[in-house]
């Protein structure tokens, strides 16, 4: 990637995380300036800042335990050094490498309605198309009114084929046709939209399992990944959704949307700590280029 383009991406990331930065690192910086010595009061205030940023109790405790240990081990006396240690610990906590992409691939995109699944699928199609991959979209959400129409708009925008059936059709039948089409056209990537009916987990599990059986039977050579889309603005509620989806399917990666609209960007740390699943992409704006591959160091650097 060209240096200028990389700087542009980082600038967008930094701008997109501004609300979280105000709540998290803005308060950390104030605390650092006001701290005369590193004592229990300093740790307690830092802990409160992390929790208020939606880092979650588990991630916060892990980060704080590690910080205390390093401060004591290195006999650190000044808060500025502790701040740098905090930053490094957070990078280490977030850094789960995304497994290499293998082709052909099927991405089953899951998530509750309203998190930005359809838009994210459109952005993914454009992103992979830009690197020369052949994409087919599959409208597997046959329950939500107009879901297929919305996905069709993105298919037209990205100039990629779409496989869809009538509203209310069997999603597994749509996936069957999607797989047939992907094989016939030599596609690299089949992206499947799925229903977001989390209130009925039994139906959702049956539906996803049926789709998966069709893919495994008809497309054994494909690498299949179940990718969960979460809306960062929902904070801890998003984490609850992630836990619930992990019960119904094996989540291979997370796409975290709408980070630019929230001060709850710490949820990325909570997800990493509680689910041990890599964040693949983050959305920091409305534009196509605002869906960015997640990089732990860039993410934390942009926050600090």
C-alpha atoms as a PDB file:
ATOM      1  CA  UNK A   1       0.000   0.000   0.000  1.00  0.00           C
ATOM      2  CA  UNK A   2       1.344   3.442  -0.928  1.00  0.00           C
ATOM      3  CA  UNK A   3       2.468   5.597   2.003  1.00  0.00           C
ATOM      4  CA  UNK A   4       0.039   8.386   1.075  1.00  0.00           C
ATOM      5  CA  UNK A   5      -2.909   5.948   0.937  1.00  0.00           C
ATOM      6  CA  UNK A   6      -1.884   4.424   4.278  1.00  0.00           C
ATOM      7  CA  UNK A   7      -1.791   7.877   5.884  1.00  0.00           C
ATOM      8  CA  UNK A   8      -5.233   8.604   4.433  1.00  0.00           C
ATOM      9  CA  UNK A   9      -6.650   5.401   5.912  1.00  0.00           C
ATOM     10  CA  UNK A  10      -5.123   6.177   9.299  1.00  0.00           C
ATOM     11  CA  UNK A  11      -6.538   9.711   9.214  1.00  0.00           C
ATOM     12  CA  UNK A  12     -10.014   8.312   8.520  1.00  0.00           C
ATOM     13  CA  UNK A  13      -9.584   5.779  11.317  1.00  0.00           C
ATOM     14  CA  UNK A  14      -8.421   8.493  13.720  1.00  0.00           C
ATOM     15  CA  UNK A  15     -11.352  10.728  12.778  1.00  0.00           C
ATOM     16  CA  UNK A  16     -13.812   7.823  13.027  1.00  0.00           C
ATOM     17  CA  UNK A  17     -12.657   6.997  16.556  1.00  0.00           C
ATOM     18  CA  UNK A  18     -12.821  10.600  17.802  1.00  0.00           C
ATOM     19  CA  UNK A  19     -15.820  10.034  20.104  1.00  0.00           C
ATOM     20  CA  UNK A  20     -14.215   7.031  21.775  1.00  0.00           C
ATOM     21  CA  UNK A  21     -10.912   8.899  22.005  1.00  0.00           C
ATOM     22  CA  UNK A  22     -12.594  11.756  23.882  1.00  0.00           C
ATOM     23  CA  UNK A  23     -14.091   9.363  26.429  1.00  0.00           C
ATOM     24  CA  UNK A  24     -11.194   6.951  26.738  1.00  0.00           C
ATOM     25  CA  UNK A  25      -7.793   8.467  26.037  1.00  0.00           C
ATOM     26  CA  UNK A  26      -8.924  12.057  26.637  1.00  0.00           C
ATOM     27  CA  UNK A  27      -9.755  11.089  30.208  1.00  0.00           C
ATOM     28  CA  UNK A  28      -6.606   8.963  30.516  1.00  0.00           C
ATOM     29  CA  UNK A  29      -4.513  11.969  29.455  1.00  0.00           C
ATOM     30  CA  UNK A  30      -6.248  14.185  32.023  1.00  0.00           C
ATOM     31  CA  UNK A  31      -5.600  11.557  34.689  1.00  0.00           C
ATOM     32  CA  UNK A  32      -1.920  11.298  33.672  1.00  0.00           C
ATOM     33  CA  UNK A  33      -1.486  15.089  33.888  1.00  0.00           C
ATOM     34  CA  UNK A  34      -3.086  15.236  37.320  1.00  0.00           C
ATOM     35  CA  UNK A  35      -1.312  12.193  38.809  1.00  0.00           C
ATOM     36  CA  UNK A  36       1.538  12.914  41.208  1.00  0.00           C
ATOM     37  CA  UNK A  37       2.197   9.266  42.037  1.00  0.00           C
ATOM     38  CA  UNK A  38       0.977   5.893  40.857  1.00  0.00           C
ATOM     39  CA  UNK A  39      -1.180   4.630  43.699  1.00  0.00           C
ATOM     40  CA  UNK A  40      -4.451   2.784  44.267  1.00  0.00           C
ATOM     41  CA  UNK A  41      -6.462   5.912  43.477  1.00  0.00           C
ATOM     42  CA  UNK A  42      -4.746   6.166  40.059  1.00  0.00           C
ATOM     43  CA  UNK A  43      -5.542   2.531  39.264  1.00  0.00           C
ATOM     44  CA  UNK A  44      -9.178   2.843  40.373  1.00  0.00           C
ATOM     45  CA  UNK A  45      -9.747   5.928  38.228  1.00  0.00           C
ATOM     46  CA  UNK A  46      -8.110   4.271  35.225  1.00  0.00           C
ATOM     47  CA  UNK A  47     -10.302   1.216  35.736  1.00  0.00           C
ATOM     48  CA  UNK A  48     -13.428   3.411  35.756  1.00  0.00           C
ATOM     49  CA  UNK A  49     -12.353   5.076  32.490  1.00  0.00           C
ATOM     50  CA  UNK A  50     -11.930   1.713  30.752  1.00  0.00           C
ATOM     51  CA  UNK A  51     -15.311   0.435  31.955  1.00  0.00           C
ATOM     52  CA  UNK A  52     -17.063   3.666  30.888  1.00  0.00           C
ATOM     53  CA  UNK A  53     -15.580   3.193  27.404  1.00  0.00           C
ATOM     54  CA  UNK A  54     -17.320  -0.198  27.222  1.00  0.00           C
ATOM     55  CA  UNK A  55     -14.126  -2.224  27.414  1.00  0.00           C
ATOM     56  CA  UNK A  56     -16.072  -4.657  29.607  1.00  0.00           C
ATOM     57  CA  UNK A  57     -15.257  -5.955  33.062  1.00  0.00           C
ATOM     58  CA  UNK A  58     -13.225  -8.958  31.915  1.00  0.00           C
ATOM     59  CA  UNK A  59     -10.992  -7.008  29.505  1.00  0.00           C
ATOM     60  CA  UNK A  60     -10.598  -4.170  32.016  1.00  0.00           C
ATOM     61  CA  UNK A  61      -9.494  -6.537  34.803  1.00  0.00           C
ATOM     62  CA  UNK A  62      -7.034  -8.316  32.491  1.00  0.00           C
ATOM     63  CA  UNK A  63      -5.544  -4.989  31.323  1.00  0.00           C
ATOM     64  CA  UNK A  64      -5.323  -3.576  34.860  1.00  0.00           C
ATOM     65  CA  UNK A  65      -3.715  -6.727  36.305  1.00  0.00           C
ATOM     66  CA  UNK A  66      -1.093  -6.679  33.570  1.00  0.00           C
ATOM     67  CA  UNK A  67      -0.455  -2.938  34.046  1.00  0.00           C
ATOM     68  CA  UNK A  68       0.011  -3.307  37.814  1.00  0.00           C
ATOM     69  CA  UNK A  69       2.418  -6.174  37.240  1.00  0.00           C
ATOM     70  CA  UNK A  70       4.548  -4.265  34.704  1.00  0.00           C
ATOM     71  CA  UNK A  71       4.574  -1.047  36.730  1.00  0.00           C
ATOM     72  CA  UNK A  72       5.782  -2.980  39.779  1.00  0.00           C
ATOM     73  CA  UNK A  73       8.272  -5.091  37.826  1.00  0.00           C
ATOM     74  CA  UNK A  74       9.865  -2.088  36.105  1.00  0.00           C
ATOM     75  CA  UNK A  75       9.569   0.148  39.204  1.00  0.00           C
ATOM     76  CA  UNK A  76       7.706   2.785  37.183  1.00  0.00           C
ATOM     77  CA  UNK A  77       7.061   6.015  39.102  1.00  0.00           C
ATOM     78  CA  UNK A  78       5.598   8.402  36.502  1.00  0.00           C
ATOM     79  CA  UNK A  79       2.119   8.203  35.016  1.00  0.00           C
ATOM     80  CA  UNK A  80       3.290   9.020  31.465  1.00  0.00           C
ATOM     81  CA  UNK A  81       5.321   5.796  31.335  1.00  0.00           C
ATOM     82  CA  UNK A  82       2.321   3.899  32.731  1.00  0.00           C
ATOM     83  CA  UNK A  83       0.208   5.396  29.922  1.00  0.00           C
ATOM     84  CA  UNK A  84       2.627   4.023  27.303  1.00  0.00           C
ATOM     85  CA  UNK A  85       2.518   0.645  29.046  1.00  0.00           C
ATOM     86  CA  UNK A  86      -1.290   0.750  28.972  1.00  0.00           C
ATOM     87  CA  UNK A  87      -1.217   1.435  25.234  1.00  0.00           C
ATOM     88  CA  UNK A  88       1.147  -1.486  24.584  1.00  0.00           C
ATOM     89  CA  UNK A  89      -0.943  -3.870  26.709  1.00  0.00           C
ATOM     90  CA  UNK A  90      -4.083  -2.892  24.777  1.00  0.00           C
ATOM     91  CA  UNK A  91      -2.337  -3.542  21.441  1.00  0.00           C
ATOM     92  CA  UNK A  92      -1.225  -6.965  22.675  1.00  0.00           C
ATOM     93  CA  UNK A  93      -4.745  -7.739  23.933  1.00  0.00           C
ATOM     94  CA  UNK A  94      -6.337  -6.850  20.578  1.00  0.00           C
ATOM     95  CA  UNK A  95      -3.831  -8.533  18.306  1.00  0.00           C
ATOM     96  CA  UNK A  96      -5.417 -11.805  17.168  1.00  0.00           C
ATOM     97  CA  UNK A  97      -4.212 -12.358  13.617  1.00  0.00           C
ATOM     98  CA  UNK A  98      -6.899 -12.910  11.004  1.00  0.00           C
ATOM     99  CA  UNK A  99      -6.380 -16.307   9.338  1.00  0.00           C
ATOM    100  CA  UNK A 100      -5.203 -16.089   5.725  1.00  0.00           C
ATOM    101  CA  UNK A 101      -7.957 -15.976   3.130  1.00  0.00           C
ATOM    102  CA  UNK A 102      -8.329 -19.095   0.989  1.00  0.00           C
ATOM    103  CA  UNK A 103     -10.176 -19.283  -2.315  1.00  0.00           C
ATOM    104  CA  UNK A 104     -12.845 -20.194  -3.172  1.00  0.00           C
ATOM    105  CA  UNK A 105     -14.541 -18.864  -0.061  1.00  0.00           C
ATOM    106  CA  UNK A 106     -18.079 -18.599   1.249  1.00  0.00           C
ATOM    107  CA  UNK A 107     -18.832 -15.881   3.808  1.00  0.00           C
ATOM    108  CA  UNK A 108     -22.030 -16.409   5.798  1.00  0.00           C
ATOM    109  CA  UNK A 109     -22.800 -12.930   7.137  1.00  0.00           C
ATOM    110  CA  UNK A 110     -24.806 -13.071  10.377  1.00  0.00           C
ATOM    111  CA  UNK A 111     -26.094 -10.430  12.799  1.00  0.00           C
ATOM    112  CA  UNK A 112     -29.360  -8.971  14.083  1.00  0.00           C
ATOM    113  CA  UNK A 113     -31.413  -6.686  11.869  1.00  0.00           C
ATOM    114  CA  UNK A 114     -30.271  -3.074  11.911  1.00  0.00           C
ATOM    115  CA  UNK A 115     -26.536  -3.578  12.459  1.00  0.00           C
ATOM    116  CA  UNK A 116     -25.668  -2.727   8.846  1.00  0.00           C
ATOM    117  CA  UNK A 117     -25.312  -6.244   7.412  1.00  0.00           C
ATOM    118  CA  UNK A 118     -26.527  -5.444   3.898  1.00  0.00           C
ATOM    119  CA  UNK A 119     -24.404  -2.292   3.589  1.00  0.00           C
ATOM    120  CA  UNK A 120     -21.393  -4.190   4.923  1.00  0.00           C
ATOM    121  CA  UNK A 121     -21.894  -6.957   2.345  1.00  0.00           C
ATOM    122  CA  UNK A 122     -21.960  -4.335  -0.413  1.00  0.00           C
ATOM    123  CA  UNK A 123     -18.761  -2.750   0.876  1.00  0.00           C
ATOM    124  CA  UNK A 124     -17.072  -6.171   1.138  1.00  0.00           C
ATOM    125  CA  UNK A 125     -18.046  -6.934  -2.469  1.00  0.00           C
ATOM    126  CA  UNK A 126     -16.462  -3.689  -3.661  1.00  0.00           C
ATOM    127  CA  UNK A 127     -13.369  -4.217  -1.495  1.00  0.00           C
ATOM    128  CA  UNK A 128     -12.689  -7.731  -2.818  1.00  0.00           C
ATOM    129  CA  UNK A 129     -13.534  -6.702  -6.351  1.00  0.00           C
ATOM    130  CA  UNK A 130     -10.874  -3.972  -6.091  1.00  0.00           C
ATOM    131  CA  UNK A 131      -8.233  -6.642  -5.486  1.00  0.00           C
ATOM    132  CA  UNK A 132      -9.359  -8.587  -8.560  1.00  0.00           C
ATOM    133  CA  UNK A 133     -11.625 -11.216  -6.990  1.00  0.00           C
ATOM    134  CA  UNK A 134     -14.836 -12.464  -8.621  1.00  0.00           C
ATOM    135  CA  UNK A 135     -17.797 -12.025  -6.280  1.00  0.00           C
ATOM    136  CA  UNK A 136     -21.370 -13.340  -6.193  1.00  0.00           C
ATOM    137  CA  UNK A 137     -23.941 -12.140  -3.652  1.00  0.00           C
ATOM    138  CA  UNK A 138     -26.623 -14.433  -2.284  1.00  0.00           C
ATOM    139  CA  UNK A 139     -29.835 -13.043  -0.733  1.00  0.00           C
ATOM    140  CA  UNK A 140     -30.321 -15.652   2.006  1.00  0.00           C
ATOM    141  CA  UNK A 141     -32.410 -13.338   4.195  1.00  0.00           C
ATOM    142  CA  UNK A 142     -35.785 -14.192   2.698  1.00  0.00           C
ATOM    143  CA  UNK A 143     -37.761 -13.218   5.812  1.00  0.00           C
ATOM    144  CA  UNK A 144     -37.184  -9.489   6.136  1.00  0.00           C
ATOM    145  CA  UNK A 145     -39.290  -7.490   3.703  1.00  0.00           C
ATOM    146  CA  UNK A 146     -37.176  -5.804   1.001  1.00  0.00           C
ATOM    147  CA  UNK A 147     -33.904  -7.438   2.180  1.00  0.00           C
ATOM    148  CA  UNK A 148     -33.268  -8.887  -1.294  1.00  0.00           C
ATOM    149  CA  UNK A 149     -34.088  -5.542  -2.939  1.00  0.00           C
ATOM    150  CA  UNK A 150     -31.594  -3.735  -0.717  1.00  0.00           C
ATOM    151  CA  UNK A 151     -28.913  -6.292  -1.523  1.00  0.00           C
ATOM    152  CA  UNK A 152     -29.737  -5.973  -5.228  1.00  0.00           C
ATOM    153  CA  UNK A 153     -29.018  -2.231  -5.073  1.00  0.00           C
ATOM    154  CA  UNK A 154     -25.533  -3.040  -3.712  1.00  0.00           C
ATOM    155  CA  UNK A 155     -25.008  -5.784  -6.311  1.00  0.00           C
ATOM    156  CA  UNK A 156     -25.761  -3.251  -9.059  1.00  0.00           C
ATOM    157  CA  UNK A 157     -23.499  -0.671  -7.445  1.00  0.00           C
ATOM    158  CA  UNK A 158     -20.640  -3.173  -7.224  1.00  0.00           C
ATOM    159  CA  UNK A 159     -21.524  -4.629 -10.648  1.00  0.00           C
ATOM    160  CA  UNK A 160     -21.583  -8.189  -9.309  1.00  0.00           C
ATOM    161  CA  UNK A 161     -24.172 -10.965  -9.890  1.00  0.00           C
ATOM    162  CA  UNK A 162     -26.806 -11.697  -7.240  1.00  0.00           C
ATOM    163  CA  UNK A 163     -28.769 -14.885  -6.603  1.00  0.00           C
ATOM    164  CA  UNK A 164     -32.195 -14.355  -5.007  1.00  0.00           C
ATOM    165  CA  UNK A 165     -35.605 -15.993  -4.674  1.00  0.00           C
ATOM    166  CA  UNK A 166     -39.032 -14.634  -3.770  1.00  0.00           C
ATOM    167  CA  UNK A 167     -39.691 -13.313  -0.261  1.00  0.00           C
ATOM    168  CA  UNK A 168     -40.426 -16.172   2.162  1.00  0.00           C
ATOM    169  CA  UNK A 169     -38.469 -18.771   0.145  1.00  0.00           C
ATOM    170  CA  UNK A 170     -36.311 -21.410   1.847  1.00  0.00           C
ATOM    171  CA  UNK A 171     -32.906 -19.756   2.518  1.00  0.00           C
ATOM    172  CA  UNK A 172     -31.100 -23.076   1.986  1.00  0.00           C
ATOM    173  CA  UNK A 173     -32.594 -23.299  -1.511  1.00  0.00           C
ATOM    174  CA  UNK A 174     -31.243 -19.812  -2.297  1.00  0.00           C
ATOM    175  CA  UNK A 175     -27.820 -20.858  -0.992  1.00  0.00           C
ATOM    176  CA  UNK A 176     -27.974 -24.024  -3.144  1.00  0.00           C
ATOM    177  CA  UNK A 177     -28.503 -21.859  -6.244  1.00  0.00           C
ATOM    178  CA  UNK A 178     -25.808 -19.441  -5.041  1.00  0.00           C
ATOM    179  CA  UNK A 179     -23.281 -22.274  -4.791  1.00  0.00           C
ATOM    180  CA  UNK A 180     -24.261 -23.587  -8.251  1.00  0.00           C
ATOM    181  CA  UNK A 181     -23.787 -20.102  -9.683  1.00  0.00           C
ATOM    182  CA  UNK A 182     -20.429 -19.580  -7.892  1.00  0.00           C
ATOM    183  CA  UNK A 183     -19.077 -22.864  -9.259  1.00  0.00           C
ATOM    184  CA  UNK A 184     -20.405 -22.265 -12.789  1.00  0.00           C
ATOM    185  CA  UNK A 185     -18.893 -18.765 -12.947  1.00  0.00           C
ATOM    186  CA  UNK A 186     -15.620 -19.638 -11.217  1.00  0.00           C
ATOM    187  CA  UNK A 187     -16.249 -17.105  -8.449  1.00  0.00           C
ATOM    188  CA  UNK A 188     -13.658 -16.588  -5.727  1.00  0.00           C
ATOM    189  CA  UNK A 189     -16.149 -15.437  -3.114  1.00  0.00           C
ATOM    190  CA  UNK A 190     -19.814 -16.116  -2.413  1.00  0.00           C
ATOM    191  CA  UNK A 191     -21.197 -13.693   0.193  1.00  0.00           C
ATOM    192  CA  UNK A 192     -24.440 -14.882   1.792  1.00  0.00           C
ATOM    193  CA  UNK A 193     -26.794 -12.537   3.628  1.00  0.00           C
ATOM    194  CA  UNK A 194     -28.706 -14.328   6.431  1.00  0.00           C
ATOM    195  CA  UNK A 195     -31.759 -13.539   8.558  1.00  0.00           C
ATOM    196  CA  UNK A 196     -31.191 -11.720  11.848  1.00  0.00           C
ATOM    197  CA  UNK A 197     -33.967 -13.301  13.903  1.00  0.00           C
ATOM    198  CA  UNK A 198     -32.095 -13.706  17.165  1.00  0.00           C
ATOM    199  CA  UNK A 199     -35.294 -13.653  19.219  1.00  0.00           C
ATOM    200  CA  UNK A 200     -35.953 -17.175  17.935  1.00  0.00           C
ATOM    201  CA  UNK A 201     -32.586 -18.885  18.346  1.00  0.00           C
ATOM    202  CA  UNK A 202     -33.903 -22.382  17.570  1.00  0.00           C
ATOM    203  CA  UNK A 203     -35.187 -21.301  14.129  1.00  0.00           C
ATOM    204  CA  UNK A 204     -32.005 -19.352  13.447  1.00  0.00           C
ATOM    205  CA  UNK A 205     -29.798 -22.303  14.412  1.00  0.00           C
ATOM    206  CA  UNK A 206     -31.810 -24.704  12.234  1.00  0.00           C
ATOM    207  CA  UNK A 207     -31.663 -22.288   9.315  1.00  0.00           C
ATOM    208  CA  UNK A 208     -27.901 -21.665   9.553  1.00  0.00           C
ATOM    209  CA  UNK A 209     -27.165 -25.374  10.024  1.00  0.00           C
ATOM    210  CA  UNK A 210     -29.241 -26.196   6.938  1.00  0.00           C
ATOM    211  CA  UNK A 211     -27.373 -23.583   4.878  1.00  0.00           C
ATOM    212  CA  UNK A 212     -24.060 -24.915   6.120  1.00  0.00           C
ATOM    213  CA  UNK A 213     -24.972 -28.526   5.253  1.00  0.00           C
ATOM    214  CA  UNK A 214     -25.863 -27.439   1.706  1.00  0.00           C
ATOM    215  CA  UNK A 215     -22.528 -25.614   1.307  1.00  0.00           C
ATOM    216  CA  UNK A 216     -20.482 -28.490   2.777  1.00  0.00           C
ATOM    217  CA  UNK A 217     -22.236 -31.020   0.537  1.00  0.00           C
ATOM    218  CA  UNK A 218     -22.263 -29.010  -2.706  1.00  0.00           C
ATOM    219  CA  UNK A 219     -19.069 -26.971  -2.337  1.00  0.00           C
ATOM    220  CA  UNK A 220     -16.582 -29.054  -0.291  1.00  0.00           C
ATOM    221  CA  UNK A 221     -13.595 -27.228  -1.796  1.00  0.00           C
ATOM    222  CA  UNK A 222     -14.765 -23.856  -0.415  1.00  0.00           C
ATOM    223  CA  UNK A 223     -13.400 -22.285   2.771  1.00  0.00           C
ATOM    224  CA  UNK A 224     -16.531 -21.366   4.759  1.00  0.00           C
ATOM    225  CA  UNK A 225     -16.443 -18.530   7.314  1.00  0.00           C
ATOM    226  CA  UNK A 226     -19.292 -17.324   9.508  1.00  0.00           C
ATOM    227  CA  UNK A 227     -18.757 -13.572   9.996  1.00  0.00           C
ATOM    228  CA  UNK A 228     -20.717 -11.665  12.647  1.00  0.00           C
ATOM    229  CA  UNK A 229     -21.627  -8.010  12.037  1.00  0.00           C
ATOM    230  CA  UNK A 230     -22.027  -5.960  15.231  1.00  0.00           C
ATOM    231  CA  UNK A 231     -23.124  -2.352  15.680  1.00  0.00           C
ATOM    232  CA  UNK A 232     -20.549  -0.667  17.953  1.00  0.00           C
ATOM    233  CA  UNK A 233     -23.106   1.912  19.132  1.00  0.00           C
ATOM    234  CA  UNK A 234     -24.952  -0.824  21.044  1.00  0.00           C
ATOM    235  CA  UNK A 235     -21.943  -1.378  23.331  1.00  0.00           C
ATOM    236  CA  UNK A 236     -22.433  -4.188  25.832  1.00  0.00           C
ATOM    237  CA  UNK A 237     -25.681  -5.193  24.117  1.00  0.00           C
ATOM    238  CA  UNK A 238     -23.582  -5.993  21.053  1.00  0.00           C
ATOM    239  CA  UNK A 239     -21.428  -8.240  23.206  1.00  0.00           C
ATOM    240  CA  UNK A 240     -24.569 -10.065  24.386  1.00  0.00           C
ATOM    241  CA  UNK A 241     -25.565 -10.543  20.716  1.00  0.00           C
ATOM    242  CA  UNK A 242     -22.101 -11.925  19.951  1.00  0.00           C
ATOM    243  CA  UNK A 243     -22.384 -14.470  22.776  1.00  0.00           C
ATOM    244  CA  UNK A 244     -25.815 -15.544  21.516  1.00  0.00           C
ATOM    245  CA  UNK A 245     -24.632 -15.973  17.919  1.00  0.00           C
ATOM    246  CA  UNK A 246     -21.611 -17.936  19.124  1.00  0.00           C
ATOM    247  CA  UNK A 247     -24.088 -20.411  20.602  1.00  0.00           C
ATOM    248  CA  UNK A 248     -25.789 -20.966  17.231  1.00  0.00           C
ATOM    249  CA  UNK A 249     -22.807 -20.945  14.849  1.00  0.00           C
ATOM    250  CA  UNK A 250     -19.028 -21.028  14.892  1.00  0.00           C
ATOM    251  CA  UNK A 251     -18.027 -17.373  14.518  1.00  0.00           C
ATOM    252  CA  UNK A 252     -14.818 -17.023  12.506  1.00  0.00           C
ATOM    253  CA  UNK A 253     -14.564 -13.238  12.599  1.00  0.00           C
ATOM    254  CA  UNK A 254     -16.257  -9.982  13.589  1.00  0.00           C
ATOM    255  CA  UNK A 255     -17.062  -6.884  11.548  1.00  0.00           C
ATOM    256  CA  UNK A 256     -17.643  -3.923  13.871  1.00  0.00           C
ATOM    257  CA  UNK A 257     -19.734  -1.178  12.240  1.00  0.00           C
ATOM    258  CA  UNK A 258     -20.621   2.431  13.150  1.00  0.00           C
ATOM    259  CA  UNK A 259     -17.544   3.069  15.303  1.00  0.00           C
ATOM    260  CA  UNK A 260     -17.651   6.697  14.140  1.00  0.00           C
ATOM    261  CA  UNK A 261     -21.044   7.185  15.796  1.00  0.00           C
ATOM    262  CA  UNK A 262     -20.144   6.044  19.293  1.00  0.00           C
ATOM    263  CA  UNK A 263     -17.955   6.669  22.322  1.00  0.00           C
ATOM    264  CA  UNK A 264     -18.167   2.938  23.016  1.00  0.00           C
ATOM    265  CA  UNK A 265     -15.244   1.845  20.814  1.00  0.00           C
ATOM    266  CA  UNK A 266     -13.820  -0.022  23.801  1.00  0.00           C
ATOM    267  CA  UNK A 267     -16.317  -2.745  22.896  1.00  0.00           C
ATOM    268  CA  UNK A 268     -13.664  -4.038  20.468  1.00  0.00           C
ATOM    269  CA  UNK A 269     -11.492  -4.924  23.491  1.00  0.00           C
ATOM    270  CA  UNK A 270     -14.435  -6.539  25.283  1.00  0.00           C
ATOM    271  CA  UNK A 271     -15.235  -8.701  22.238  1.00  0.00           C
ATOM    272  CA  UNK A 272     -11.622  -9.797  21.890  1.00  0.00           C
ATOM    273  CA  UNK A 273     -11.322 -10.704  25.574  1.00  0.00           C
ATOM    274  CA  UNK A 274     -14.647 -12.504  25.972  1.00  0.00           C
ATOM    275  CA  UNK A 275     -14.981 -14.278  22.630  1.00  0.00           C
ATOM    276  CA  UNK A 276     -11.370 -14.752  21.501  1.00  0.00           C
ATOM    277  CA  UNK A 277     -12.499 -14.089  17.919  1.00  0.00           C
ATOM    278  CA  UNK A 278     -10.524 -11.809  15.585  1.00  0.00           C
ATOM    279  CA  UNK A 279     -12.039  -8.536  14.389  1.00  0.00           C
ATOM    280  CA  UNK A 280     -11.721  -8.661  10.577  1.00  0.00           C
ATOM    281  CA  UNK A 281     -13.007  -5.231   9.579  1.00  0.00           C
ATOM    282  CA  UNK A 282     -14.214  -2.056  11.244  1.00  0.00           C
ATOM    283  CA  UNK A 283     -16.573   0.587   9.886  1.00  0.00           C
ATOM    284  CA  UNK A 284     -15.607   4.172  10.686  1.00  0.00           C
ATOM    285  CA  UNK A 285     -17.918   6.051   8.314  1.00  0.00           C
ATOM    286  CA  UNK A 286     -20.470   5.799   5.525  1.00  0.00           C
ATOM    287  CA  UNK A 287     -18.052   5.635   2.599  1.00  0.00           C
ATOM    288  CA  UNK A 288     -16.856   2.450   0.888  1.00  0.00           C
ATOM    289  CA  UNK A 289     -13.290   3.183   1.994  1.00  0.00           C
ATOM    290  CA  UNK A 290     -14.461   3.528   5.604  1.00  0.00           C
ATOM    291  CA  UNK A 291     -14.762  -0.252   5.973  1.00  0.00           C
ATOM    292  CA  UNK A 292     -11.158  -0.970   6.889  1.00  0.00           C
ATOM    293  CA  UNK A 293      -9.234  -4.163   7.631  1.00  0.00           C
ATOM    294  CA  UNK A 294      -8.694  -4.238  11.372  1.00  0.00           C
ATOM    295  CA  UNK A 295      -5.139  -3.691  12.590  1.00  0.00           C
ATOM    296  CA  UNK A 296      -4.681  -3.758  16.376  1.00  0.00           C
ATOM    297  CA  UNK A 297      -1.721  -1.366  16.436  1.00  0.00           C
ATOM    298  CA  UNK A 298      -3.373   1.172  14.125  1.00  0.00           C
ATOM    299  CA  UNK A 299      -6.623   0.960  16.115  1.00  0.00           C
ATOM    300  CA  UNK A 300      -4.954   1.649  19.484  1.00  0.00           C
ATOM    301  CA  UNK A 301      -2.573   4.260  18.009  1.00  0.00           C
ATOM    302  CA  UNK A 302      -5.591   6.082  16.554  1.00  0.00           C
ATOM    303  CA  UNK A 303      -7.230   6.020  19.988  1.00  0.00           C
ATOM    304  CA  UNK A 304      -4.134   7.423  21.683  1.00  0.00           C
END
